[in-house]
Amino acid sequence: MTQTRPGPVQYAVLVLLAIAFLYPIWWAVSSSLKPAAEIIASPLSIGELTLDNYRAMFADVPIGTGFANTALVLVVKGAMTMFFCPLAGYAFAKYAFPGKNLLFGVVLLTLMLPTLVLIIPLLLEMSALGWVNTYQALILPGSVDAFSIFWMRQTIAAIPDELIDAGRVDGAGEFGIFARVVLPVIRPGLAALAVLTTMNIYNDFVWPVVAVNDTAHQTLQVVLSTLAQNVTGNRIGADFATVWGELLAAGSIALLPLLVIFVLLQRHFINGILAGSVKG
């Protein structure tokens, strides 16, 4: 099949879309480097550059603690998701067992439940286990989620059964088939799942703010949400411009990890997204 090259109109539309998506990021980063008063007085201009907003932000909020807690939750919870969900998806896609369709339907049914509906039952469960204000409460709930299982099931279902049967004929065990045959084939889908999982864990706010109320276990998003209160509390009479300057500085720093991850994995992410749209 021959591919047609985009014409001038398509390029113009792509350039306009790129500007629309990138300009807010550029404005936030550039504004974070301006004096606080200048952000309000002339928001669209670029004048004197300074790191005062970053110095004040690091002094006012424990953003380092937020990063460390988020990194810990991201690594452990993400590893659990990337290990258990492909195994569950493999079982639903390639094994026949009684009640498989019913069980998979129940898994899909949980996708329809709003997150807020589960907050109180989960909080009561964490309280009964004595896990409130602990890393267990931040990591275990949602570590094996319905969307990831569904994603892996759909990705693995596209693998021909002949490949798996060939592995069995060669004497490979079931876990060996999964590790040596299935995983290499679904690598783009795994990369896409890794990006989506990272974004979900990194940006999660509702559950961490409910499950944890001490600063020692607060994640980055919770720290950012309390930044305005910390600024005004630490400095009596702190004005609106000062709060905005530190908010933009904190937001710019929080943006960097996701931006780096997406740039490094964008090719695999796009391939994984497109893989589910092609049959044959």
C-alpha atoms as a PDB file:
ATOM      1  CA  MET A   1       0.000   0.000   0.000  1.00  0.00           C
ATOM      2  CA  THR A   2       1.281   3.451  -0.902  1.00  0.00           C
ATOM      3  CA  GLN A   3       1.040   6.220   1.634  1.00  0.00           C
ATOM      4  CA  THR A   4       0.130   9.742   0.568  1.00  0.00           C
ATOM      5  CA  ARG A   5       2.154  12.573   2.012  1.00  0.00           C
ATOM      6  CA  PRO A   6       0.295  15.269   3.953  1.00  0.00           C
ATOM      7  CA  GLY A   7      -0.384  18.392   1.939  1.00  0.00           C
ATOM      8  CA  PRO A   8       0.141  22.029   2.972  1.00  0.00           C
ATOM      9  CA  VAL A   9      -3.275  22.207   4.613  1.00  0.00           C
ATOM     10  CA  GLN A  10      -2.606  19.131   6.743  1.00  0.00           C
ATOM     11  CA  TYR A  11       0.801  20.490   7.766  1.00  0.00           C
ATOM     12  CA  ALA A  12      -0.748  23.823   8.691  1.00  0.00           C
ATOM     13  CA  VAL A  13      -3.370  22.102  10.845  1.00  0.00           C
ATOM     14  CA  LEU A  14      -0.684  19.982  12.559  1.00  0.00           C
ATOM     15  CA  VAL A  15       1.434  23.066  13.257  1.00  0.00           C
ATOM     16  CA  LEU A  16      -1.553  24.910  14.738  1.00  0.00           C
ATOM     17  CA  LEU A  17      -2.404  21.910  16.936  1.00  0.00           C
ATOM     18  CA  ALA A  18       1.224  21.629  18.084  1.00  0.00           C
ATOM     19  CA  ILE A  19       1.251  25.330  19.009  1.00  0.00           C
ATOM     20  CA  ALA A  20      -2.065  24.982  20.863  1.00  0.00           C
ATOM     21  CA  PHE A  21      -0.729  22.058  22.932  1.00  0.00           C
ATOM     22  CA  LEU A  22       2.805  23.350  23.533  1.00  0.00           C
ATOM     23  CA  TYR A  23       2.095  27.014  24.225  1.00  0.00           C
ATOM     24  CA  PRO A  24       0.550  26.467  27.706  1.00  0.00           C
ATOM     25  CA  ILE A  25       3.629  24.432  28.705  1.00  0.00           C
ATOM     26  CA  TRP A  26       5.985  27.099  27.371  1.00  0.00           C
ATOM     27  CA  TRP A  27       4.015  29.845  29.128  1.00  0.00           C
ATOM     28  CA  ALA A  28       4.011  28.012  32.472  1.00  0.00           C
ATOM     29  CA  VAL A  29       7.765  27.334  32.375  1.00  0.00           C
ATOM     30  CA  SER A  30       8.697  30.820  31.174  1.00  0.00           C
ATOM     31  CA  SER A  31       6.372  32.484  33.704  1.00  0.00           C
ATOM     32  CA  SER A  32       7.881  30.447  36.530  1.00  0.00           C
ATOM     33  CA  LEU A  33      11.220  32.111  35.725  1.00  0.00           C
ATOM     34  CA  LYS A  34       9.794  35.640  35.978  1.00  0.00           C
ATOM     35  CA  PRO A  35       9.508  37.768  39.127  1.00  0.00           C
ATOM     36  CA  ALA A  36       6.195  37.119  40.855  1.00  0.00           C
ATOM     37  CA  ALA A  37       4.865  40.651  40.357  1.00  0.00           C
ATOM     38  CA  GLU A  38       5.644  40.536  36.627  1.00  0.00           C
ATOM     39  CA  ILE A  39       3.537  37.390  36.152  1.00  0.00           C
ATOM     40  CA  ILE A  40       0.418  39.358  37.022  1.00  0.00           C
ATOM     41  CA  ALA A  41       1.451  42.703  35.532  1.00  0.00           C
ATOM     42  CA  SER A  42       2.518  41.391  32.101  1.00  0.00           C
ATOM     43  CA  PRO A  43       1.664  37.690  31.779  1.00  0.00           C
ATOM     44  CA  LEU A  44       2.555  37.398  28.064  1.00  0.00           C
ATOM     45  CA  SER A  45       5.892  39.199  28.081  1.00  0.00           C
ATOM     46  CA  ILE A  46       9.360  37.795  28.748  1.00  0.00           C
ATOM     47  CA  GLY A  47      11.490  40.098  30.838  1.00  0.00           C
ATOM     48  CA  GLU A  48      13.943  39.473  33.630  1.00  0.00           C
ATOM     49  CA  LEU A  49      14.610  35.800  34.386  1.00  0.00           C
ATOM     50  CA  THR A  50      15.075  34.640  37.962  1.00  0.00           C
ATOM     51  CA  LEU A  51      14.999  31.480  40.058  1.00  0.00           C
ATOM     52  CA  ASP A  52      13.387  33.212  43.052  1.00  0.00           C
ATOM     53  CA  ASN A  53      10.087  31.359  42.581  1.00  0.00           C
ATOM     54  CA  TYR A  54      11.892  27.999  42.681  1.00  0.00           C
ATOM     55  CA  ARG A  55      13.937  28.922  45.763  1.00  0.00           C
ATOM     56  CA  ALA A  56      10.829  30.114  47.612  1.00  0.00           C
ATOM     57  CA  MET A  57       8.840  27.056  46.547  1.00  0.00           C
ATOM     58  CA  PHE A  58      11.466  24.623  47.831  1.00  0.00           C
ATOM     59  CA  ALA A  59      11.548  26.554  51.115  1.00  0.00           C
ATOM     60  CA  ASP A  60       7.765  26.587  51.566  1.00  0.00           C
ATOM     61  CA  VAL A  61       6.697  23.062  50.631  1.00  0.00           C
ATOM     62  CA  PRO A  62       8.254  19.584  51.085  1.00  0.00           C
ATOM     63  CA  ILE A  63       8.239  18.894  47.367  1.00  0.00           C
ATOM     64  CA  GLY A  64      11.254  16.593  47.724  1.00  0.00           C
ATOM     65  CA  THR A  65       9.258  14.372  50.076  1.00  0.00           C
ATOM     66  CA  GLY A  66       6.368  14.393  47.609  1.00  0.00           C
ATOM     67  CA  PHE A  67       8.652  13.326  44.773  1.00  0.00           C
ATOM     68  CA  ALA A  68      10.214  10.555  46.873  1.00  0.00           C
ATOM     69  CA  ASN A  69       6.828   9.171  47.967  1.00  0.00           C
ATOM     70  CA  THR A  70       5.456   9.359  44.433  1.00  0.00           C
ATOM     71  CA  ALA A  71       8.545   7.593  43.076  1.00  0.00           C
ATOM     72  CA  LEU A  72       8.195   4.804  45.637  1.00  0.00           C
ATOM     73  CA  VAL A  73       4.487   4.314  44.921  1.00  0.00           C
ATOM     74  CA  LEU A  74       5.099   4.520  41.170  1.00  0.00           C
ATOM     75  CA  VAL A  75       7.857   1.903  41.157  1.00  0.00           C
ATOM     76  CA  VAL A  76       6.162  -0.641  43.452  1.00  0.00           C
ATOM     77  CA  LYS A  77       2.565  -0.168  42.283  1.00  0.00           C
ATOM     78  CA  GLY A  78       3.619   0.082  38.641  1.00  0.00           C
ATOM     79  CA  ALA A  79       5.664  -3.111  38.931  1.00  0.00           C
ATOM     80  CA  MET A  80       2.679  -4.949  40.391  1.00  0.00           C
ATOM     81  CA  THR A  81       0.449  -3.714  37.578  1.00  0.00           C
ATOM     82  CA  MET A  82       2.949  -4.660  34.889  1.00  0.00           C
ATOM     83  CA  PHE A  83       3.445  -8.131  36.373  1.00  0.00           C
ATOM     84  CA  PHE A  84      -0.029  -9.299  37.378  1.00  0.00           C
ATOM     85  CA  CYS A  85      -2.231  -7.657  34.725  1.00  0.00           C
ATOM     86  CA  PRO A  86      -0.483  -9.254  31.705  1.00  0.00           C
ATOM     87  CA  LEU A  87      -0.750 -12.639  33.435  1.00  0.00           C
ATOM     88  CA  ALA A  88      -4.464 -12.111  34.068  1.00  0.00           C
ATOM     89  CA  GLY A  89      -4.976 -10.902  30.504  1.00  0.00           C
ATOM     90  CA  TYR A  90      -3.131 -13.975  29.203  1.00  0.00           C
ATOM     91  CA  ALA A  91      -5.389 -16.269  31.214  1.00  0.00           C
ATOM     92  CA  PHE A  92      -8.548 -14.579  29.905  1.00  0.00           C
ATOM     93  CA  ALA A  93      -7.271 -14.542  26.311  1.00  0.00           C
ATOM     94  CA  LYS A  94      -5.767 -18.017  25.897  1.00  0.00           C
ATOM     95  CA  TYR A  95      -7.165 -20.355  28.565  1.00  0.00           C
ATOM     96  CA  ALA A  96     -10.559 -22.029  28.725  1.00  0.00           C
ATOM     97  CA  PHE A  97     -11.929 -22.513  32.232  1.00  0.00           C
ATOM     98  CA  PRO A  98     -15.419 -22.622  33.751  1.00  0.00           C
ATOM     99  CA  GLY A  99     -16.933 -19.193  34.301  1.00  0.00           C
ATOM    100  CA  LYS A 100     -14.292 -17.362  32.254  1.00  0.00           C
ATOM    101  CA  ASN A 101     -16.741 -15.133  30.400  1.00  0.00           C
ATOM    102  CA  LEU A 102     -18.720 -14.427  33.570  1.00  0.00           C
ATOM    103  CA  LEU A 103     -15.588 -13.503  35.499  1.00  0.00           C
ATOM    104  CA  PHE A 104     -14.321 -11.292  32.681  1.00  0.00           C
ATOM    105  CA  GLY A 105     -17.727  -9.613  32.556  1.00  0.00           C
ATOM    106  CA  VAL A 106     -17.474  -8.850  36.279  1.00  0.00           C
ATOM    107  CA  VAL A 107     -14.022  -7.338  35.679  1.00  0.00           C
ATOM    108  CA  LEU A 108     -15.434  -5.136  32.913  1.00  0.00           C
ATOM    109  CA  LEU A 109     -18.374  -4.203  35.114  1.00  0.00           C
ATOM    110  CA  THR A 110     -16.017  -2.611  37.628  1.00  0.00           C
ATOM    111  CA  LEU A 111     -14.906  -0.193  34.906  1.00  0.00           C
ATOM    112  CA  MET A 112     -18.368   1.367  35.026  1.00  0.00           C
ATOM    113  CA  LEU A 113     -18.098   2.190  38.734  1.00  0.00           C
ATOM    114  CA  PRO A 114     -17.041   5.793  39.405  1.00  0.00           C
ATOM    115  CA  THR A 115     -13.921   6.128  41.512  1.00  0.00           C
ATOM    116  CA  LEU A 116     -15.771   8.115  44.168  1.00  0.00           C
ATOM    117  CA  VAL A 117     -18.133   5.183  44.776  1.00  0.00           C
ATOM    118  CA  LEU A 118     -15.179   3.050  45.912  1.00  0.00           C
ATOM    119  CA  ILE A 119     -13.502   5.642  48.129  1.00  0.00           C
ATOM    120  CA  ILE A 120     -15.475   5.034  51.340  1.00  0.00           C
ATOM    121  CA  PRO A 121     -15.409   1.190  51.178  1.00  0.00           C
ATOM    122  CA  LEU A 122     -11.664   1.267  50.477  1.00  0.00           C
ATOM    123  CA  LEU A 123     -11.049   3.728  53.299  1.00  0.00           C
ATOM    124  CA  LEU A 124     -13.018   1.563  55.735  1.00  0.00           C
ATOM    125  CA  GLU A 125     -11.023  -1.459  54.612  1.00  0.00           C
ATOM    126  CA  MET A 126      -7.721   0.375  55.081  1.00  0.00           C
ATOM    127  CA  SER A 127      -8.849   1.514  58.525  1.00  0.00           C
ATOM    128  CA  ALA A 128      -9.792  -2.033  59.543  1.00  0.00           C
ATOM    129  CA  LEU A 129      -6.359  -3.247  58.441  1.00  0.00           C
ATOM    130  CA  GLY A 130      -4.609  -0.381  60.211  1.00  0.00           C
ATOM    131  CA  TRP A 131      -3.123   0.864  56.932  1.00  0.00           C
ATOM    132  CA  VAL A 132      -4.291   4.495  57.010  1.00  0.00           C
ATOM    133  CA  ASN A 133      -1.268   6.817  56.631  1.00  0.00           C
ATOM    134  CA  THR A 134       0.907   3.978  55.318  1.00  0.00           C
ATOM    135  CA  TYR A 135       2.489   3.149  51.985  1.00  0.00           C
ATOM    136  CA  GLN A 136       0.359  -0.001  51.781  1.00  0.00           C
ATOM    137  CA  ALA A 137      -2.741   2.173  51.463  1.00  0.00           C
ATOM    138  CA  LEU A 138      -1.160   4.102  48.613  1.00  0.00           C
ATOM    139  CA  ILE A 139       0.178   1.074  46.741  1.00  0.00           C
ATOM    140  CA  LEU A 140      -2.166  -1.905  47.032  1.00  0.00           C
ATOM    141  CA  PRO A 141      -5.613  -0.458  46.082  1.00  0.00           C
ATOM    142  CA  GLY A 142      -5.796  -0.331  42.304  1.00  0.00           C
ATOM    143  CA  SER A 143      -2.482  -2.062  41.692  1.00  0.00           C
ATOM    144  CA  VAL A 144      -4.343  -4.722  39.660  1.00  0.00           C
ATOM    145  CA  ASP A 145      -7.042  -2.767  37.834  1.00  0.00           C
ATOM    146  CA  ALA A 146      -9.735  -3.759  35.373  1.00  0.00           C
ATOM    147  CA  PHE A 147      -8.583  -1.526  32.527  1.00  0.00           C
ATOM    148  CA  SER A 148      -5.052  -2.974  32.530  1.00  0.00           C
ATOM    149  CA  ILE A 149      -6.429  -6.529  32.524  1.00  0.00           C
ATOM    150  CA  PHE A 150      -8.788  -5.664  29.662  1.00  0.00           C
ATOM    151  CA  TRP A 151      -5.982  -3.964  27.714  1.00  0.00           C
ATOM    152  CA  MET A 152      -3.683  -6.964  28.063  1.00  0.00           C
ATOM    153  CA  ARG A 153      -6.445  -9.428  27.249  1.00  0.00           C
ATOM    154  CA  GLN A 154      -7.233  -7.608  23.981  1.00  0.00           C
ATOM    155  CA  THR A 155      -3.538  -7.359  23.075  1.00  0.00           C
ATOM    156  CA  ILE A 156      -2.748 -11.010  23.804  1.00  0.00           C
ATOM    157  CA  ALA A 157      -5.906 -12.253  22.048  1.00  0.00           C
ATOM    158  CA  ALA A 158      -4.377 -11.113  18.733  1.00  0.00           C
ATOM    159  CA  ILE A 159      -1.489 -13.608  19.109  1.00  0.00           C
ATOM    160  CA  PRO A 160      -2.054 -16.717  16.958  1.00  0.00           C
ATOM    161  CA  ASP A 161      -2.722 -19.839  19.012  1.00  0.00           C
ATOM    162  CA  GLU A 162      -0.249 -21.706  16.796  1.00  0.00           C
ATOM    163  CA  LEU A 163       2.657 -19.819  18.387  1.00  0.00           C
ATOM    164  CA  ILE A 164       1.615 -20.903  21.860  1.00  0.00           C
ATOM    165  CA  ASP A 165       0.970 -24.484  20.723  1.00  0.00           C
ATOM    166  CA  ALA A 166       4.430 -24.567  19.146  1.00  0.00           C
ATOM    167  CA  GLY A 167       5.929 -23.590  22.490  1.00  0.00           C
ATOM    168  CA  ARG A 168       4.081 -26.424  24.207  1.00  0.00           C
ATOM    169  CA  VAL A 169       5.270 -28.896  21.559  1.00  0.00           C
ATOM    170  CA  ASP A 170       8.855 -27.761  22.225  1.00  0.00           C
ATOM    171  CA  GLY A 171       8.369 -28.658  25.881  1.00  0.00           C
ATOM    172  CA  ALA A 172       8.162 -25.168  27.333  1.00  0.00           C
ATOM    173  CA  GLY A 173       6.154 -24.690  30.513  1.00  0.00           C
ATOM    174  CA  GLU A 174       3.197 -22.345  30.678  1.00  0.00           C
ATOM    175  CA  PHE A 175       5.133 -19.546  32.367  1.00  0.00           C
ATOM    176  CA  GLY A 176       8.021 -20.146  29.965  1.00  0.00           C
ATOM    177  CA  ILE A 177       5.651 -19.737  27.012  1.00  0.00           C
ATOM    178  CA  PHE A 178       4.381 -16.506  28.492  1.00  0.00           C
ATOM    179  CA  ALA A 179       7.891 -15.164  29.083  1.00  0.00           C
ATOM    180  CA  ARG A 180       9.547 -16.343  25.845  1.00  0.00           C
ATOM    181  CA  VAL A 181       6.700 -16.287  23.322  1.00  0.00           C
ATOM    182  CA  VAL A 182       3.990 -13.889  24.500  1.00  0.00           C
ATOM    183  CA  LEU A 183       5.989 -11.069  26.085  1.00  0.00           C
ATOM    184  CA  PRO A 184       8.205 -10.326  23.056  1.00  0.00           C
ATOM    185  CA  VAL A 185       5.135 -10.112  20.827  1.00  0.00           C
ATOM    186  CA  ILE A 186       3.149  -7.782  23.090  1.00  0.00           C
ATOM    187  CA  ARG A 187       6.059  -5.425  23.828  1.00  0.00           C
ATOM    188  CA  PRO A 188       4.350  -2.384  22.169  1.00  0.00           C
ATOM    189  CA  GLY A 189       1.185  -3.027  24.187  1.00  0.00           C
ATOM    190  CA  LEU A 190       3.239  -3.318  27.373  1.00  0.00           C
ATOM    191  CA  ALA A 191       4.976  -0.021  26.617  1.00  0.00           C
ATOM    192  CA  ALA A 192       1.634   1.684  26.082  1.00  0.00           C
ATOM    193  CA  LEU A 193       0.336   0.207  29.331  1.00  0.00           C
ATOM    194  CA  ALA A 194       3.484   1.373  31.121  1.00  0.00           C
ATOM    195  CA  VAL A 195       2.956   4.953  29.954  1.00  0.00           C
ATOM    196  CA  LEU A 196      -0.744   4.937  30.889  1.00  0.00           C
ATOM    197  CA  THR A 197      -0.022   3.351  34.278  1.00  0.00           C
ATOM    198  CA  THR A 198       2.714   5.873  35.010  1.00  0.00           C
ATOM    199  CA  MET A 199       0.421   8.770  34.165  1.00  0.00           C
ATOM    200  CA  ASN A 200      -2.434   7.398  36.270  1.00  0.00           C
ATOM    201  CA  ILE A 201      -0.265   6.769  39.342  1.00  0.00           C
ATOM    202  CA  TYR A 202       1.702   9.995  38.999  1.00  0.00           C
ATOM    203  CA  ASN A 203      -1.415  12.153  38.595  1.00  0.00           C
ATOM    204  CA  ASP A 204      -3.557  10.349  41.167  1.00  0.00           C
ATOM    205  CA  PHE A 205      -4.907  12.793  43.739  1.00  0.00           C
ATOM    206  CA  VAL A 206      -8.271  11.684  45.099  1.00  0.00           C
ATOM    207  CA  TRP A 207      -7.170   8.440  46.774  1.00  0.00           C
ATOM    208  CA  PRO A 208      -3.848   9.719  48.235  1.00  0.00           C
ATOM    209  CA  VAL A 209      -5.528  12.761  49.758  1.00  0.00           C
ATOM    210  CA  VAL A 210      -8.105  10.499  51.443  1.00  0.00           C
ATOM    211  CA  ALA A 211      -5.815   7.661  52.546  1.00  0.00           C
ATOM    212  CA  VAL A 212      -2.962   9.811  53.849  1.00  0.00           C
ATOM    213  CA  ASN A 213      -3.160  12.921  56.006  1.00  0.00           C
ATOM    214  CA  ASP A 214       0.390  13.215  57.322  1.00  0.00           C
ATOM    215  CA  THR A 215       3.169  15.030  55.467  1.00  0.00           C
ATOM    216  CA  ALA A 216       5.573  12.086  55.713  1.00  0.00           C
ATOM    217  CA  HIS A 217       3.499  10.004  53.263  1.00  0.00           C
ATOM    218  CA  GLN A 218       2.019  12.711  51.029  1.00  0.00           C
ATOM    219  CA  THR A 219       2.496  12.215  47.288  1.00  0.00           C
ATOM    220  CA  LEU A 220       3.496  14.974  44.900  1.00  0.00           C
ATOM    221  CA  GLN A 221      -0.052  15.834  43.822  1.00  0.00           C
ATOM    222  CA  VAL A 222      -1.180  16.233  47.442  1.00  0.00           C
ATOM    223  CA  VAL A 223       1.829  18.441  48.165  1.00  0.00           C
ATOM    224  CA  LEU A 224       1.005  20.613  45.153  1.00  0.00           C
ATOM    225  CA  SER A 225      -2.617  20.929  46.259  1.00  0.00           C
ATOM    226  CA  THR A 226      -1.545  22.362  49.632  1.00  0.00           C
ATOM    227  CA  LEU A 227       1.118  24.658  48.183  1.00  0.00           C
ATOM    228  CA  ALA A 228      -1.018  27.812  48.247  1.00  0.00           C
ATOM    229  CA  GLN A 229      -1.920  27.262  51.915  1.00  0.00           C
ATOM    230  CA  ASN A 230       1.717  26.607  52.810  1.00  0.00           C
ATOM    231  CA  VAL A 231       2.891  29.751  51.025  1.00  0.00           C
ATOM    232  CA  THR A 232       0.411  32.008  52.798  1.00  0.00           C
ATOM    233  CA  GLY A 233       0.976  30.198  56.103  1.00  0.00           C
ATOM    234  CA  ASN A 234       4.754  30.401  56.016  1.00  0.00           C
ATOM    235  CA  ARG A 235       4.814  34.047  55.014  1.00  0.00           C
ATOM    236  CA  ILE A 236       2.190  36.267  56.529  1.00  0.00           C
ATOM    237  CA  GLY A 237       0.772  38.616  53.944  1.00  0.00           C
ATOM    238  CA  ALA A 238       1.992  36.669  50.921  1.00  0.00           C
ATOM    239  CA  ASP A 239       0.224  38.138  47.903  1.00  0.00           C
ATOM    240  CA  PHE A 240      -1.562  36.522  44.987  1.00  0.00           C
ATOM    241  CA  ALA A 241       1.398  36.968  42.633  1.00  0.00           C
ATOM    242  CA  THR A 242       3.750  35.148  45.025  1.00  0.00           C
ATOM    243  CA  VAL A 243       1.407  32.163  45.212  1.00  0.00           C
ATOM    244  CA  TRP A 244       1.121  32.020  41.432  1.00  0.00           C
ATOM    245  CA  GLY A 245       4.876  32.183  40.968  1.00  0.00           C
ATOM    246  CA  GLU A 246       5.489  29.240  43.266  1.00  0.00           C
ATOM    247  CA  LEU A 247       2.587  27.276  41.805  1.00  0.00           C
ATOM    248  CA  LEU A 248       4.031  27.675  38.308  1.00  0.00           C
ATOM    249  CA  ALA A 249       7.484  26.680  39.549  1.00  0.00           C
ATOM    250  CA  ALA A 250       6.141  23.546  41.238  1.00  0.00           C
ATOM    251  CA  GLY A 251       4.008  22.664  38.224  1.00  0.00           C
ATOM    252  CA  SER A 252       6.968  23.023  35.877  1.00  0.00           C
ATOM    253  CA  ILE A 253       9.067  20.655  37.987  1.00  0.00           C
ATOM    254  CA  ALA A 254       6.205  18.160  38.311  1.00  0.00           C
ATOM    255  CA  LEU A 255       5.774  18.165  34.521  1.00  0.00           C
ATOM    256  CA  LEU A 256       9.336  17.070  33.738  1.00  0.00           C
ATOM    257  CA  PRO A 257       9.196  13.343  34.699  1.00  0.00           C
ATOM    258  CA  LEU A 258       6.081  12.616  32.624  1.00  0.00           C
ATOM    259  CA  LEU A 259       7.480  14.593  29.697  1.00  0.00           C
ATOM    260  CA  VAL A 260      10.742  12.612  29.758  1.00  0.00           C
ATOM    261  CA  ILE A 261       8.922   9.266  30.046  1.00  0.00           C
ATOM    262  CA  PHE A 262       6.620  10.058  27.139  1.00  0.00           C
ATOM    263  CA  VAL A 263       9.481  11.255  24.906  1.00  0.00           C
ATOM    264  CA  LEU A 264      11.460   8.069  25.606  1.00  0.00           C
ATOM    265  CA  LEU A 265       8.513   5.709  25.080  1.00  0.00           C
ATOM    266  CA  GLN A 266       6.439   7.601  22.528  1.00  0.00           C
ATOM    267  CA  ARG A 267       7.242   5.263  19.624  1.00  0.00           C
ATOM    268  CA  HIS A 268       6.261   2.161  21.611  1.00  0.00           C
ATOM    269  CA  PHE A 269       3.237   3.967  23.050  1.00  0.00           C
ATOM    270  CA  ILE A 270       1.895   4.910  19.619  1.00  0.00           C
ATOM    271  CA  ASN A 271       2.582   1.418  18.239  1.00  0.00           C
ATOM    272  CA  GLY A 272       0.743  -0.086  21.201  1.00  0.00           C
ATOM    273  CA  ILE A 273      -2.246   2.187  20.718  1.00  0.00           C
ATOM    274  CA  LEU A 274      -2.416   1.416  16.991  1.00  0.00           C
ATOM    275  CA  ALA A 275      -1.938  -2.326  17.444  1.00  0.00           C
ATOM    276  CA  GLY A 276      -5.449  -2.742  18.803  1.00  0.00           C
ATOM    277  CA  SER A 277      -6.980  -1.004  15.793  1.00  0.00           C
ATOM    278  CA  VAL A 278      -5.562  -3.387  13.174  1.00  0.00           C
ATOM    279  CA  LYS A 279      -6.853  -6.892  12.522  1.00  0.00           C
ATOM    280  CA  GLY A 280      -5.333  -9.627  10.446  1.00  0.00           C
END
